[in-house]
C-alpha atoms as a PDB file:
ATOM      1  CA  MET A   1      73.336 109.755 118.358  1.00  0.00           C
ATOM      2  CA  GLN A   2      70.766 112.301 117.327  1.00  0.00           C
ATOM      3  CA  LEU A   3      71.934 115.836 117.986  1.00  0.00           C
ATOM      4  CA  ASN A   4      69.560 118.643 118.801  1.00  0.00           C
ATOM      5  CA  ASP A   5      69.919 122.011 117.087  1.00  0.00           C
ATOM      6  CA  ASN A   6      71.953 123.480 119.965  1.00  0.00           C
ATOM      7  CA  ALA A   7      74.476 120.629 119.806  1.00  0.00           C
ATOM      8  CA  LYS A   8      74.709 120.864 116.005  1.00  0.00           C
ATOM      9  CA  GLU A   9      75.371 124.599 116.237  1.00  0.00           C
ATOM     10  CA  ALA A  10      78.005 124.057 118.938  1.00  0.00           C
ATOM     11  CA  VAL A  11      79.777 121.492 116.719  1.00  0.00           C
ATOM     12  CA  ARG A  12      79.657 123.901 113.757  1.00  0.00           C
ATOM     13  CA  GLU A  13      81.126 126.593 116.005  1.00  0.00           C
ATOM     14  CA  LEU A  14      83.932 124.235 117.026  1.00  0.00           C
ATOM     15  CA  GLY A  15      84.674 123.434 113.373  1.00  0.00           C
ATOM     16  CA  ALA A  16      84.739 127.132 112.499  1.00  0.00           C
ATOM     17  CA  ALA A  17      87.046 127.862 115.438  1.00  0.00           C
ATOM     18  CA  ILE A  18      89.447 125.120 114.348  1.00  0.00           C
ATOM     19  CA  ASN A  19      89.421 126.393 110.750  1.00  0.00           C
ATOM     20  CA  ALA A  20      90.098 129.938 111.935  1.00  0.00           C
ATOM     21  CA  ALA A  21      92.929 128.811 114.196  1.00  0.00           C
ATOM     22  CA  ILE A  22      94.615 126.922 111.369  1.00  0.00           C
ATOM     23  CA  GLU A  23      94.100 129.749 108.891  1.00  0.00           C
ATOM     24  CA  LYS A  24      95.572 132.352 111.256  1.00  0.00           C
ATOM     25  CA  SER A  25      98.415 130.191 112.539  1.00  0.00           C
ATOM     26  CA  ASN A  26     101.759 131.814 111.831  1.00  0.00           C
ATOM     27  CA  ARG A  27     103.467 128.529 112.577  1.00  0.00           C
ATOM     28  CA  VAL A  28     101.455 126.688 109.912  1.00  0.00           C
ATOM     29  CA  SER A  29     101.959 129.489 107.386  1.00  0.00           C
ATOM     30  CA  HIS A  30     105.702 129.598 108.008  1.00  0.00           C
ATOM     31  CA  ALA A  31     106.043 125.819 107.729  1.00  0.00           C
ATOM     32  CA  ILE A  32     104.161 125.850 104.393  1.00  0.00           C
ATOM     33  CA  GLU A  33     106.289 128.736 103.117  1.00  0.00           C
ATOM     34  CA  HIS A  34     109.473 126.978 104.183  1.00  0.00           C
ATOM     35  CA  LEU A  35     108.492 123.877 102.214  1.00  0.00           C
ATOM     36  CA  ARG A  36     107.821 126.063  99.171  1.00  0.00           C
ATOM     37  CA  GLU A  37     111.166 127.835  99.573  1.00  0.00           C
ATOM     38  CA  ILE A  38     113.015 124.520  99.491  1.00  0.00           C
ATOM     39  CA  GLY A  39     111.141 123.396  96.390  1.00  0.00           C
ATOM     40  CA  TYR A  40     108.108 121.479  97.617  1.00  0.00           C
ATOM     41  CA  GLU A  41     104.417 122.206  97.272  1.00  0.00           C
ATOM     42  CA  PRO A  42     102.677 120.759 100.331  1.00  0.00           C
ATOM     43  CA  GLN A  43      99.449 118.887  99.792  1.00  0.00           C
ATOM     44  CA  LEU A  44      97.752 118.662 103.156  1.00  0.00           C
ATOM     45  CA  THR A  45      94.906 116.361 104.033  1.00  0.00           C
ATOM     46  CA  LEU A  46      92.976 117.155 107.170  1.00  0.00           C
ATOM     47  CA  LYS A  47      90.526 114.678 108.589  1.00  0.00           C
ATOM     48  CA  MET A  48      88.574 115.923 111.549  1.00  0.00           C
ATOM     49  CA  GLU A  49      86.354 113.701 113.600  1.00  0.00           C
ATOM     50  CA  ILE A  50      84.448 115.115 116.508  1.00  0.00           C
ATOM     51  CA  GLY A  51      83.102 112.583 118.943  1.00  0.00           C
ATOM     52  CA  LEU A  52      80.549 113.553 121.532  1.00  0.00           C
ATOM     53  CA  LEU A  53      79.620 111.791 124.727  1.00  0.00           C
ATOM     54  CA  LYS A  54      76.280 112.801 126.193  1.00  0.00           C
ATOM     55  CA  ILE A  55      76.640 113.778 129.824  1.00  0.00           C
ATOM     56  CA  ASN A  56      73.752 112.539 131.924  1.00  0.00           C
ATOM     57  CA  ASN A  57      73.054 110.615 135.120  1.00  0.00           C
ATOM     58  CA  ASP A  58      73.125 107.243 133.354  1.00  0.00           C
ATOM     59  CA  PHE A  59      76.525 107.931 131.682  1.00  0.00           C
ATOM     60  CA  GLU A  60      75.879 106.137 128.415  1.00  0.00           C
ATOM     61  CA  ASP A  61      78.882 105.503 126.197  1.00  0.00           C
ATOM     62  CA  SER A  62      78.040 106.375 122.608  1.00  0.00           C
ATOM     63  CA  THR A  63      80.150 105.689 119.543  1.00  0.00           C
ATOM     64  CA  ASP A  64      77.681 107.015 116.980  1.00  0.00           C
ATOM     65  CA  GLU A  65      79.193 109.229 114.298  1.00  0.00           C
ATOM     66  CA  PHE A  66      77.816 112.161 112.362  1.00  0.00           C
ATOM     67  CA  GLU A  67      78.949 114.360 109.527  1.00  0.00           C
ATOM     68  CA  LEU A  68      80.127 117.896 110.062  1.00  0.00           C
ATOM     69  CA  ASP A  69      78.581 120.287 107.576  1.00  0.00           C
ATOM     70  CA  LEU A  70      81.129 122.824 106.394  1.00  0.00           C
ATOM     71  CA  THR A  71      80.066 126.044 104.734  1.00  0.00           C
ATOM     72  CA  ASP A  72      81.300 127.036 101.277  1.00  0.00           C
ATOM     73  CA  GLU A  73      83.573 129.564 102.965  1.00  0.00           C
ATOM     74  CA  ASP A  74      85.037 126.837 105.214  1.00  0.00           C
ATOM     75  CA  LEU A  75      85.798 124.738 102.141  1.00  0.00           C
ATOM     76  CA  ARG A  76      87.317 127.700 100.258  1.00  0.00           C
ATOM     77  CA  THR A  77      89.544 128.456 103.233  1.00  0.00           C
ATOM     78  CA  LEU A  78      90.740 124.873 103.387  1.00  0.00           C
ATOM     79  CA  ARG A  79      91.378 124.825  99.623  1.00  0.00           C
ATOM     80  CA  ARG A  80      93.389 128.082  99.830  1.00  0.00           C
ATOM     81  CA  MET A  81      95.510 126.379 102.446  1.00  0.00           C
ATOM     82  CA  LYS A  82      95.881 123.390 100.116  1.00  0.00           C
ATOM     83  CA  ILE A  83      94.008 121.184 102.581  1.00  0.00           C
ATOM     84  CA  ARG A  84      91.969 118.446 100.948  1.00  0.00           C
ATOM     85  CA  LEU A  85      89.034 116.732 102.665  1.00  0.00           C
ATOM     86  CA  GLU A  86      88.342 113.088 101.977  1.00  0.00           C
END
Protein backbone atom coordinates (compact mmCIF):
# COMPACT_ATOMS: atom_id res chain seq x y z
CA MET A 1 0.00 0.00 0.00
CA GLN A 2 1.38 3.37 -0.93
CA LEU A 3 0.80 5.94 1.79
CA ASN A 4 0.34 9.60 1.07
CA ASP A 5 2.18 12.21 3.12
CA ASN A 6 -0.78 12.74 5.47
CA ALA A 7 -0.99 9.02 6.27
CA LYS A 8 2.79 8.78 6.77
CA GLU A 9 2.69 11.73 9.17
CA ALA A 10 -0.25 10.21 11.06
CA VAL A 11 1.67 6.93 11.45
CA ARG A 12 4.75 8.82 12.68
CA GLU A 13 2.52 10.64 15.17
CA LEU A 14 1.15 7.32 16.40
CA GLY A 15 4.68 5.94 16.83
CA ALA A 16 5.73 9.05 18.75
CA ALA A 17 2.64 8.82 20.97
CA ILE A 18 3.38 5.17 21.76
CA ASN A 19 7.03 5.98 22.55
CA ALA A 20 5.97 8.83 24.82
CA ALA A 21 3.42 6.67 26.61
CA ILE A 22 5.99 3.96 27.29
CA GLU A 23 8.64 6.46 28.36
CA LYS A 24 6.30 8.21 30.80
CA SER A 25 4.67 5.06 32.14
CA ASN A 26 5.16 4.78 35.88
CA ARG A 27 4.11 1.15 35.71
CA VAL A 28 6.84 0.30 33.19
CA SER A 29 9.45 2.27 35.14
CA HIS A 30 8.52 0.60 38.41
CA ALA A 31 8.57 -2.87 36.86
CA ILE A 32 12.05 -2.22 35.41
CA GLU A 33 13.29 -0.86 38.74
CA HIS A 34 11.86 -3.84 40.59
CA LEU A 35 13.75 -6.23 38.32
CA ARG A 36 16.95 -4.27 38.96
CA GLU A 37 16.35 -4.32 42.72
CA ILE A 38 16.10 -8.11 42.70
CA GLY A 39 19.29 -8.44 40.67
CA TYR A 40 18.23 -8.53 37.03
CA GLU A 41 18.93 -6.13 34.20
CA PRO A 42 15.97 -6.27 31.82
CA GLN A 43 16.69 -6.38 28.12
CA LEU A 44 13.47 -5.46 26.37
CA THR A 45 12.73 -5.99 22.72
CA LEU A 46 9.81 -4.09 21.27
CA LYS A 47 8.49 -4.93 17.85
CA MET A 48 5.77 -2.64 16.62
CA GLU A 49 3.81 -3.32 13.50
CA ILE A 50 1.15 -0.91 12.39
CA GLY A 51 -1.28 -2.24 9.85
CA LEU A 52 -3.59 0.07 7.98
CA LEU A 53 -6.78 -0.74 6.14
CA LYS A 54 -7.90 1.89 3.66
CA ILE A 55 -11.49 2.88 4.27
CA ASN A 56 -13.39 3.39 1.05
CA ASN A 57 -16.61 2.34 -0.66
CA ASP A 58 -15.03 -0.78 -2.17
CA PHE A 59 -13.63 -1.98 1.21
CA GLU A 60 -10.41 -3.51 -0.07
CA ASP A 61 -8.49 -5.72 2.34
CA SER A 62 -4.81 -4.86 2.21
CA THR A 63 -1.97 -6.75 3.86
CA ASP A 64 0.86 -4.62 2.50
CA GLU A 65 3.51 -3.66 5.04
CA PHE A 66 5.70 -0.61 5.38
CA GLU A 67 8.54 0.51 7.59
CA LEU A 68 8.08 3.05 10.32
CA ASP A 69 10.81 5.67 10.28
CA LEU A 70 11.90 6.53 13.80
CA THR A 71 13.80 9.71 14.54
CA ASP A 72 17.19 9.67 16.28
CA GLU A 73 15.44 10.91 19.41
CA ASP A 74 12.94 8.02 19.23
CA LEU A 75 15.82 5.56 19.01
CA ARG A 76 17.71 7.23 21.89
CA THR A 77 14.60 7.06 24.04
CA LEU A 78 14.16 3.38 23.31
CA ARG A 79 17.85 2.70 24.03
CA ARG A 80 17.64 4.57 27.37
CA MET A 81 14.77 2.28 28.25
CA LYS A 82 16.90 -0.70 27.22
CA ILE A 83 14.50 -1.49 24.38
CA ARG A 84 16.16 -3.02 21.35
CA LEU A 85 14.62 -2.93 17.86
CA GLU A 86 15.17 -5.82 15.51
